[in-house]
Structures are given as C-alpha cells and as structure tokens.
C-alpha cells in the first residue's frame, strides 16, 4: 500500500506519521516458519493465503475455520503484540 501526501504552500513546518503501515511481508515470513511451503503472499492485494484455505489480512483471519485457522490467528496476534511493543 502506498501512502501519498500532497502539500500546498511555500513552507512545510512538520510532517508526522501517525501509524506505521502494516508489514504483511514480515507476517508472511512468520507464518512460513509455522506452516512451511504453505504460505502465499499477495502483497498487492493485501492478504496472505495459508494452506490455500485461510485468508489473513491486517485485521487477522478473515476466511477459514478450524484448528489451523486458530493457529494462524494465534501467530497473527503474537506478531501484532510484538510489533506494537
């Protein structure tokens, strides 16, 4: 995801970033450690497929159910807590 800022004026006093963009690639790498060769990253579309049945976005698991989806959600939650710290 690209973020754009348009500035109008002669002097720019300050530019602040409120929130870091979500690092989908780092999450995919983390999931790859738990589910080797079963993770596909679609960075341009903003999601990760795990085992061709579990869809993960920056919001967490959005498609899929069962024990594998629960494990993916736990990895996601751990990833989020580590990146926020």
PDB file of N, CA and C in Angstrom:
ATOM      1  N   UNK A   1       0.841  -1.169   0.000  1.00  0.00           N
ATOM      2  CA  UNK A   1       0.000   0.000   0.000  1.00  0.00           C
ATOM      3  C   UNK A   1       0.888   1.235   0.000  1.00  0.00           C
ATOM      4  N   UNK A   2       0.622   2.141  -0.890  1.00  0.00           N
ATOM      5  CA  UNK A   2       1.378   3.385  -0.947  1.00  0.00           C
ATOM      6  C   UNK A   2       0.549   4.500  -0.333  1.00  0.00           C
ATOM      7  N   UNK A   3       1.214   5.331   0.436  1.00  0.00           N
ATOM      8  CA  UNK A   3       0.553   6.478   1.042  1.00  0.00           C
ATOM      9  C   UNK A   3       1.097   7.734   0.388  1.00  0.00           C
ATOM     10  N   UNK A   4       0.204   8.651   0.061  1.00  0.00           N
ATOM     11  CA  UNK A   4       0.619   9.883  -0.603  1.00  0.00           C
ATOM     12  C   UNK A   4       0.185  11.080   0.219  1.00  0.00           C
ATOM     13  N   UNK A   5       1.010  12.095   0.173  1.00  0.00           N
ATOM     14  CA  UNK A   5       0.703  13.351   0.848  1.00  0.00           C
ATOM     15  C   UNK A   5       0.910  14.468  -0.157  1.00  0.00           C
ATOM     16  N   UNK A   6      -0.086  15.320  -0.314  1.00  0.00           N
ATOM     17  CA  UNK A   6       0.031  16.475  -1.187  1.00  0.00           C
ATOM     18  C   UNK A   6       0.155  17.714  -0.309  1.00  0.00           C
ATOM     19  N   UNK A   7       1.192  18.488  -0.568  1.00  0.00           N
ATOM     20  CA  UNK A   7       1.453  19.678   0.235  1.00  0.00           C
ATOM     21  C   UNK A   7       1.257  20.919  -0.623  1.00  0.00           C
ATOM     22  N   UNK A   8       0.621  21.923  -0.051  1.00  0.00           N
ATOM     23  CA  UNK A   8       0.354  23.152  -0.766  1.00  0.00           C
ATOM     24  C   UNK A   8       0.884  24.308   0.077  1.00  0.00           C
ATOM     25  N   UNK A   9       1.823  25.045  -0.452  1.00  0.00           N
ATOM     26  CA  UNK A   9       2.375  26.177   0.284  1.00  0.00           C
ATOM     27  C   UNK A   9       3.874  26.271   0.097  1.00  0.00           C
ATOM     28  N   UNK A  10       4.445  27.366   0.591  1.00  0.00           N
ATOM     29  CA  UNK A  10       5.879  27.597   0.443  1.00  0.00           C
ATOM     30  C   UNK A  10       6.707  26.960   1.545  1.00  0.00           C
ATOM     31  N   UNK A  11       6.128  26.827   2.733  1.00  0.00           N
ATOM     32  CA  UNK A  11       6.882  26.314   3.882  1.00  0.00           C
ATOM     33  C   UNK A  11       6.141  25.121   4.477  1.00  0.00           C
ATOM     34  N   UNK A  12       6.857  24.024   4.639  1.00  0.00           N
ATOM     35  CA  UNK A  12       6.304  22.857   5.322  1.00  0.00           C
ATOM     36  C   UNK A  12       6.980  22.796   6.685  1.00  0.00           C
ATOM     37  N   UNK A  13       6.214  23.021   7.738  1.00  0.00           N
ATOM     38  CA  UNK A  13       6.786  23.085   9.082  1.00  0.00           C
ATOM     39  C   UNK A  13       6.994  21.696   9.675  1.00  0.00           C
ATOM     40  N   UNK A  14       6.069  20.780   9.412  1.00  0.00           N
ATOM     41  CA  UNK A  14       6.149  19.490  10.073  1.00  0.00           C
ATOM     42  C   UNK A  14       5.363  18.437   9.302  1.00  0.00           C
ATOM     43  N   UNK A  15       5.916  17.228   9.259  1.00  0.00           N
ATOM     44  CA  UNK A  15       5.198  16.080   8.704  1.00  0.00           C
ATOM     45  C   UNK A  15       5.284  14.971   9.742  1.00  0.00           C
ATOM     46  N   UNK A  16       4.138  14.460  10.147  1.00  0.00           N
ATOM     47  CA  UNK A  16       4.087  13.412  11.162  1.00  0.00           C
ATOM     48  C   UNK A  16       3.447  12.157  10.594  1.00  0.00           C
ATOM     49  N   UNK A  17       3.964  11.026  10.980  1.00  0.00           N
ATOM     50  CA  UNK A  17       3.350   9.748  10.634  1.00  0.00           C
ATOM     51  C   UNK A  17       2.634   9.234  11.872  1.00  0.00           C
ATOM     52  N   UNK A  18       1.333   9.080  11.773  1.00  0.00           N
ATOM     53  CA  UNK A  18       0.539   8.664  12.920  1.00  0.00           C
ATOM     54  C   UNK A  18       0.651   7.161  13.143  1.00  0.00           C
ATOM     55  N   UNK A  19       0.672   6.416  12.062  1.00  0.00           N
ATOM     56  CA  UNK A  19       0.656   4.959  12.168  1.00  0.00           C
ATOM     57  C   UNK A  19       1.580   4.357  11.126  1.00  0.00           C
ATOM     58  N   UNK A  20       2.355   3.344  11.542  1.00  0.00           N
ATOM     59  CA  UNK A  20       3.223   2.658  10.586  1.00  0.00           C
ATOM     60  C   UNK A  20       2.363   1.756   9.707  1.00  0.00           C
ATOM     61  N   UNK A  21       2.690   1.645   8.424  1.00  0.00           N
ATOM     62  CA  UNK A  21       1.948   0.719   7.572  1.00  0.00           C
ATOM     63  C   UNK A  21       2.150  -0.716   8.052  1.00  0.00           C
ATOM     64  N   UNK A  22       1.141  -1.530   7.873  1.00  0.00           N
ATOM     65  CA  UNK A  22       1.204  -2.925   8.310  1.00  0.00           C
ATOM     66  C   UNK A  22       2.205  -3.689   7.449  1.00  0.00           C
ATOM     67  N   UNK A  23       3.090  -4.447   8.084  1.00  0.00           N
ATOM     68  CA  UNK A  23       4.138  -5.197   7.386  1.00  0.00           C
ATOM     69  C   UNK A  23       3.649  -6.612   7.075  1.00  0.00           C
ATOM     70  N   UNK A  24       2.929  -6.733   5.963  1.00  0.00           N
ATOM     71  CA  UNK A  24       2.359  -8.018   5.560  1.00  0.00           C
ATOM     72  C   UNK A  24       3.448  -9.036   5.236  1.00  0.00           C
ATOM     73  N   UNK A  25       4.548  -8.568   4.666  1.00  0.00           N
ATOM     74  CA  UNK A  25       5.651  -9.465   4.306  1.00  0.00           C
ATOM     75  C   UNK A  25       6.257 -10.117   5.556  1.00  0.00           C
ATOM     76  N   UNK A  26       6.442  -9.340   6.619  1.00  0.00           N
ATOM     77  CA  UNK A  26       7.003  -9.885   7.863  1.00  0.00           C
ATOM     78  C   UNK A  26       6.053 -10.911   8.482  1.00  0.00           C
ATOM     79  N   UNK A  27       4.750 -10.647   8.411  1.00  0.00           N
ATOM     80  CA  UNK A  27       3.775 -11.616   8.919  1.00  0.00           C
ATOM     81  C   UNK A  27       3.822 -12.895   8.094  1.00  0.00           C
ATOM     82  N   UNK A  28       3.945 -12.771   6.778  1.00  0.00           N
ATOM     83  CA  UNK A  28       4.039 -13.952   5.915  1.00  0.00           C
ATOM     84  C   UNK A  28       5.279 -14.773   6.258  1.00  0.00           C
ATOM     85  N   UNK A  29       6.392 -14.096   6.536  1.00  0.00           N
ATOM     86  CA  UNK A  29       7.612 -14.810   6.915  1.00  0.00           C
ATOM     87  C   UNK A  29       7.418 -15.544   8.239  1.00  0.00           C
ATOM     88  N   UNK A  30       6.726 -14.924   9.175  1.00  0.00           N
ATOM     89  CA  UNK A  30       6.455 -15.568  10.464  1.00  0.00           C
ATOM     90  C   UNK A  30       5.559 -16.788  10.271  1.00  0.00           C
ATOM     91  N   UNK A  31       4.524 -16.644   9.446  1.00  0.00           N
ATOM     92  CA  UNK A  31       3.628 -17.773   9.185  1.00  0.00           C
ATOM     93  C   UNK A  31       4.356 -18.901   8.460  1.00  0.00           C
ATOM     94  N   UNK A  32       5.305 -18.542   7.604  1.00  0.00           N
ATOM     95  CA  UNK A  32       6.082 -19.538   6.852  1.00  0.00           C
ATOM     96  C   UNK A  32       6.880 -20.434   7.804  1.00  0.00           C
ATOM     97  N   UNK A  33       7.308 -19.894   8.945  1.00  0.00           N
ATOM     98  CA  UNK A  33       8.045 -20.703   9.926  1.00  0.00           C
ATOM     99  C   UNK A  33       7.146 -21.770  10.549  1.00  0.00           C
ATOM    100  N   UNK A  34       5.870 -21.443  10.719  1.00  0.00           N
ATOM    101  CA  UNK A  34       4.924 -22.372  11.340  1.00  0.00           C
ATOM    102  C   UNK A  34       4.309 -23.306  10.300  1.00  0.00           C
ATOM    103  N   UNK A  35       4.066 -22.787   9.102  1.00  0.00           N
ATOM    104  CA  UNK A  35       3.456 -23.557   8.012  1.00  0.00           C
ATOM    105  C   UNK A  35       4.382 -23.529   6.793  1.00  0.00           C
ATOM    106  N   UNK A  36       5.498 -24.285   6.834  1.00  0.00           N
ATOM    107  CA  UNK A  36       6.467 -24.232   5.725  1.00  0.00           C
ATOM    108  C   UNK A  36       5.836 -24.628   4.389  1.00  0.00           C
ATOM    109  N   UNK A  37       6.171 -23.893   3.358  1.00  0.00           N
ATOM    110  CA  UNK A  37       5.726 -24.100   1.967  1.00  0.00           C
ATOM    111  C   UNK A  37       4.211 -24.011   1.781  1.00  0.00           C
ATOM    112  N   UNK A  38       3.482 -23.532   2.782  1.00  0.00           N
ATOM    113  CA  UNK A  38       2.021 -23.445   2.665  1.00  0.00           C
ATOM    114  C   UNK A  38       1.519 -22.006   2.722  1.00  0.00           C
ATOM    115  N   UNK A  39       2.424 -21.038   2.585  1.00  0.00           N
ATOM    116  CA  UNK A  39       2.053 -19.626   2.713  1.00  0.00           C
ATOM    117  C   UNK A  39       2.285 -18.919   1.382  1.00  0.00           C
ATOM    118  N   UNK A  40       1.253 -18.230   0.901  1.00  0.00           N
ATOM    119  CA  UNK A  40       1.365 -17.441  -0.331  1.00  0.00           C
ATOM    120  C   UNK A  40       1.017 -15.994  -0.009  1.00  0.00           C
ATOM    121  N   UNK A  41       1.941 -15.094  -0.324  1.00  0.00           N
ATOM    122  CA  UNK A  41       1.756 -13.672  -0.055  1.00  0.00           C
ATOM    123  C   UNK A  41       1.251 -12.972  -1.311  1.00  0.00           C
ATOM    124  N   UNK A  42       0.149 -12.257  -1.192  1.00  0.00           N
ATOM    125  CA  UNK A  42      -0.390 -11.419  -2.265  1.00  0.00           C
ATOM    126  C   UNK A  42      -0.337  -9.978  -1.758  1.00  0.00           C
ATOM    127  N   UNK A  43       0.879  -9.431  -1.751  1.00  0.00           N
ATOM    128  CA  UNK A  43       1.109  -8.106  -1.163  1.00  0.00           C
ATOM    129  C   UNK A  43       0.316  -7.018  -1.881  1.00  0.00           C
ATOM    130  N   UNK A  44       0.218  -7.114  -3.212  1.00  0.00           N
ATOM    131  CA  UNK A  44      -0.515  -6.105  -3.984  1.00  0.00           C
ATOM    132  C   UNK A  44      -2.006  -6.105  -3.659  1.00  0.00           C
ATOM    133  N   UNK A  45      -2.543  -7.251  -3.250  1.00  0.00           N
ATOM    134  CA  UNK A  45      -3.967  -7.346  -2.911  1.00  0.00           C
ATOM    135  C   UNK A  45      -4.206  -7.206  -1.408  1.00  0.00           C
ATOM    136  N   UNK A  46      -3.130  -7.262  -0.620  1.00  0.00           N
ATOM    137  CA  UNK A  46      -3.246  -7.025   0.811  1.00  0.00           C
ATOM    138  C   UNK A  46      -3.664  -8.219   1.645  1.00  0.00           C
ATOM    139  N   UNK A  47      -3.313  -9.438   1.193  1.00  0.00           N
ATOM    140  CA  UNK A  47      -3.645 -10.597   2.017  1.00  0.00           C
ATOM    141  C   UNK A  47      -2.640 -11.727   1.836  1.00  0.00           C
ATOM    142  N   UNK A  48      -2.752 -12.709   2.738  1.00  0.00           N
ATOM    143  CA  UNK A  48      -1.912 -13.907   2.727  1.00  0.00           C
ATOM    144  C   UNK A  48      -2.843 -15.111   2.714  1.00  0.00           C
ATOM    145  N   UNK A  49      -2.533 -16.105   1.871  1.00  0.00           N
ATOM    146  CA  UNK A  49      -3.249 -17.380   1.882  1.00  0.00           C
ATOM    147  C   UNK A  49      -2.385 -18.396   2.611  1.00  0.00           C
ATOM    148  N   UNK A  50      -2.961 -19.096   3.558  1.00  0.00           N
ATOM    149  CA  UNK A  50      -2.263 -20.168   4.259  1.00  0.00           C
ATOM    150  C   UNK A  50      -3.000 -21.467   3.956  1.00  0.00           C
ATOM    151  N   UNK A  51      -2.275 -22.470   3.479  1.00  0.00           N
ATOM    152  CA  UNK A  51      -2.825 -23.787   3.142  1.00  0.00           C
ATOM    153  C   UNK A  51      -3.949 -23.697   2.099  1.00  0.00           C
ATOM    154  N   UNK A  52      -3.954 -22.667   1.291  1.00  0.00           N
ATOM    155  CA  UNK A  52      -4.970 -22.446   0.252  1.00  0.00           C
ATOM    156  C   UNK A  52      -6.400 -22.397   0.789  1.00  0.00           C
ATOM    157  N   UNK A  53      -6.562 -22.139   2.098  1.00  0.00           N
ATOM    158  CA  UNK A  53      -7.923 -22.064   2.630  1.00  0.00           C
ATOM    159  C   UNK A  53      -8.110 -21.046   3.749  1.00  0.00           C
ATOM    160  N   UNK A  54      -7.010 -20.463   4.236  1.00  0.00           N
ATOM    161  CA  UNK A  54      -7.107 -19.494   5.321  1.00  0.00           C
ATOM    162  C   UNK A  54      -6.574 -18.157   4.813  1.00  0.00           C
ATOM    163  N   UNK A  55      -7.443 -17.152   4.825  1.00  0.00           N
ATOM    164  CA  UNK A  55      -7.069 -15.825   4.329  1.00  0.00           C
ATOM    165  C   UNK A  55      -6.791 -14.906   5.514  1.00  0.00           C
ATOM    166  N   UNK A  56      -5.619 -14.259   5.481  1.00  0.00           N
ATOM    167  CA  UNK A  56      -5.191 -13.377   6.563  1.00  0.00           C
ATOM    168  C   UNK A  56      -4.931 -11.989   5.987  1.00  0.00           C
ATOM    169  N   UNK A  57      -5.486 -10.972   6.634  1.00  0.00           N
ATOM    170  CA  UNK A  57      -5.227  -9.582   6.258  1.00  0.00           C
ATOM    171  C   UNK A  57      -4.645  -8.868   7.477  1.00  0.00           C
ATOM    172  N   UNK A  58      -4.512  -7.554   7.390  1.00  0.00           N
ATOM    173  CA  UNK A  58      -4.004  -6.801   8.535  1.00  0.00           C
ATOM    174  C   UNK A  58      -4.988  -6.815   9.699  1.00  0.00           C
ATOM    175  N   UNK A  59      -6.208  -7.287   9.469  1.00  0.00           N
ATOM    176  CA  UNK A  59      -7.219  -7.404  10.528  1.00  0.00           C
ATOM    177  C   UNK A  59      -7.189  -8.766  11.212  1.00  0.00           C
ATOM    178  N   UNK A  60      -6.452  -9.732  10.661  1.00  0.00           N
ATOM    179  CA  UNK A  60      -6.409 -11.088  11.214  1.00  0.00           C
ATOM    180  C   UNK A  60      -6.975 -12.082  10.220  1.00  0.00           C
ATOM    181  N   UNK A  61      -7.423 -13.234  10.721  1.00  0.00           N
ATOM    182  CA  UNK A  61      -8.011 -14.266   9.863  1.00  0.00           C
ATOM    183  C   UNK A  61      -9.401 -13.795   9.452  1.00  0.00           C
ATOM    184  N   UNK A  62      -9.624 -13.668   8.142  1.00  0.00           N
ATOM    185  CA  UNK A  62     -10.925 -13.208   7.645  1.00  0.00           C
ATOM    186  C   UNK A  62     -11.684 -14.307   6.912  1.00  0.00           C
ATOM    187  N   UNK A  63     -10.990 -15.394   6.560  1.00  0.00           N
ATOM    188  CA  UNK A  63     -11.638 -16.553   5.941  1.00  0.00           C
ATOM    189  C   UNK A  63     -10.981 -17.803   6.467  1.00  0.00           C
ATOM    190  N   UNK A  64     -11.785 -18.831   6.677  1.00  0.00           N
ATOM    191  CA  UNK A  64     -11.260 -20.105   7.144  1.00  0.00           C
ATOM    192  C   UNK A  64     -11.650 -20.360   8.588  1.00  0.00           C
ATOM    193  N   UNK A  65     -11.697 -21.649   8.942  1.00  0.00           N
ATOM    194  CA  UNK A  65     -12.048 -22.025  10.310  1.00  0.00           C
ATOM    195  C   UNK A  65     -11.352 -23.333  10.655  1.00  0.00           C
ATOM    196  N   UNK A  66     -11.461 -23.702  11.915  1.00  0.00           N
ATOM    197  CA  UNK A  66     -10.854 -24.941  12.375  1.00  0.00           C
ATOM    198  C   UNK A  66      -9.552 -24.704  13.110  1.00  0.00           C
ATOM    199  N   UNK A  67      -8.899 -25.794  13.507  1.00  0.00           N
ATOM    200  CA  UNK A  67      -7.663 -25.692  14.297  1.00  0.00           C
ATOM    201  C   UNK A  67      -6.537 -24.937  13.583  1.00  0.00           C
ATOM    202  N   UNK A  68      -6.398 -25.129  12.285  1.00  0.00           N
ATOM    203  CA  UNK A  68      -5.334 -24.437  11.544  1.00  0.00           C
ATOM    204  C   UNK A  68      -5.590 -22.930  11.532  1.00  0.00           C
ATOM    205  N   UNK A  69      -6.842 -22.526  11.327  1.00  0.00           N
ATOM    206  CA  UNK A  69      -7.183 -21.100  11.331  1.00  0.00           C
ATOM    207  C   UNK A  69      -6.958 -20.498  12.717  1.00  0.00           C
ATOM    208  N   UNK A  70      -7.246 -21.268  13.760  1.00  0.00           N
ATOM    209  CA  UNK A  70      -6.996 -20.793  15.122  1.00  0.00           C
ATOM    210  C   UNK A  70      -5.502 -20.606  15.353  1.00  0.00           C
ATOM    211  N   UNK A  71      -4.693 -21.523  14.838  1.00  0.00           N
ATOM    212  CA  UNK A  71      -3.236 -21.413  14.981  1.00  0.00           C
ATOM    213  C   UNK A  71      -2.722 -20.189  14.221  1.00  0.00           C
ATOM    214  N   UNK A  72      -3.245 -19.960  13.022  1.00  0.00           N
ATOM    215  CA  UNK A  72      -2.858 -18.784  12.234  1.00  0.00           C
ATOM    216  C   UNK A  72      -3.223 -17.513  13.000  1.00  0.00           C
ATOM    217  N   UNK A  73      -4.416 -17.480  13.599  1.00  0.00           N
ATOM    218  CA  UNK A  73      -4.846 -16.312  14.368  1.00  0.00           C
ATOM    219  C   UNK A  73      -3.923 -16.079  15.564  1.00  0.00           C
ATOM    220  N   UNK A  74      -3.479 -17.149  16.221  1.00  0.00           N
ATOM    221  CA  UNK A  74      -2.555 -17.006  17.360  1.00  0.00           C
ATOM    222  C   UNK A  74      -1.217 -16.428  16.904  1.00  0.00           C
ATOM    223  N   UNK A  75      -0.715 -16.904  15.763  1.00  0.00           N
ATOM    224  CA  UNK A  75       0.537 -16.366  15.217  1.00  0.00           C
ATOM    225  C   UNK A  75       0.352 -14.889  14.883  1.00  0.00           C
ATOM    226  N   UNK A  76      -0.792 -14.547  14.287  1.00  0.00           N
ATOM    227  CA  UNK A  76      -1.105 -13.152  13.953  1.00  0.00           C
ATOM    228  C   UNK A  76      -1.123 -12.284  15.217  1.00  0.00           C
ATOM    229  N   UNK A  77      -1.817 -12.748  16.259  1.00  0.00           N
ATOM    230  CA  UNK A  77      -1.922 -11.968  17.496  1.00  0.00           C
ATOM    231  C   UNK A  77      -0.563 -11.777  18.158  1.00  0.00           C
ATOM    232  N   UNK A  78       0.266 -12.817  18.135  1.00  0.00           N
ATOM    233  CA  UNK A  78       1.612 -12.702  18.698  1.00  0.00           C
ATOM    234  C   UNK A  78       2.433 -11.698  17.892  1.00  0.00           C
ATOM    235  N   UNK A  79       2.311 -11.756  16.564  1.00  0.00           N
ATOM    236  CA  UNK A  79       3.019 -10.830  15.681  1.00  0.00           C
ATOM    237  C   UNK A  79       2.608  -9.389  15.985  1.00  0.00           C
ATOM    238  N   UNK A  80       1.309  -9.160  16.135  1.00  0.00           N
ATOM    239  CA  UNK A  80       0.793  -7.819  16.422  1.00  0.00           C
ATOM    240  C   UNK A  80       1.318  -7.323  17.766  1.00  0.00           C
ATOM    241  N   UNK A  81       1.276  -8.165  18.784  1.00  0.00           N
ATOM    242  CA  UNK A  81       1.731  -7.726  20.107  1.00  0.00           C
ATOM    243  C   UNK A  81       3.224  -7.408  20.103  1.00  0.00           C
ATOM    244  N   UNK A  82       4.006  -8.150  19.328  1.00  0.00           N
ATOM    245  CA  UNK A  82       5.445  -7.885  19.252  1.00  0.00           C
ATOM    246  C   UNK A  82       5.750  -6.611  18.471  1.00  0.00           C
ATOM    247  N   UNK A  83       4.985  -6.329  17.429  1.00  0.00           N
ATOM    248  CA  UNK A  83       5.252  -5.131  16.634  1.00  0.00           C
ATOM    249  C   UNK A  83       4.762  -3.870  17.342  1.00  0.00           C
ATOM    250  N   UNK A  84       3.744  -3.984  18.186  1.00  0.00           N
ATOM    251  CA  UNK A  84       3.237  -2.820  18.927  1.00  0.00           C
ATOM    252  C   UNK A  84       4.148  -2.474  20.101  1.00  0.00           C
ATOM    253  N   UNK A  85       4.884  -3.463  20.602  1.00  0.00           N
ATOM    254  CA  UNK A  85       5.736  -3.237  21.790  1.00  0.00           C
ATOM    255  C   UNK A  85       6.976  -2.433  21.460  1.00  0.00           C
TER     256      UNK A  85
END
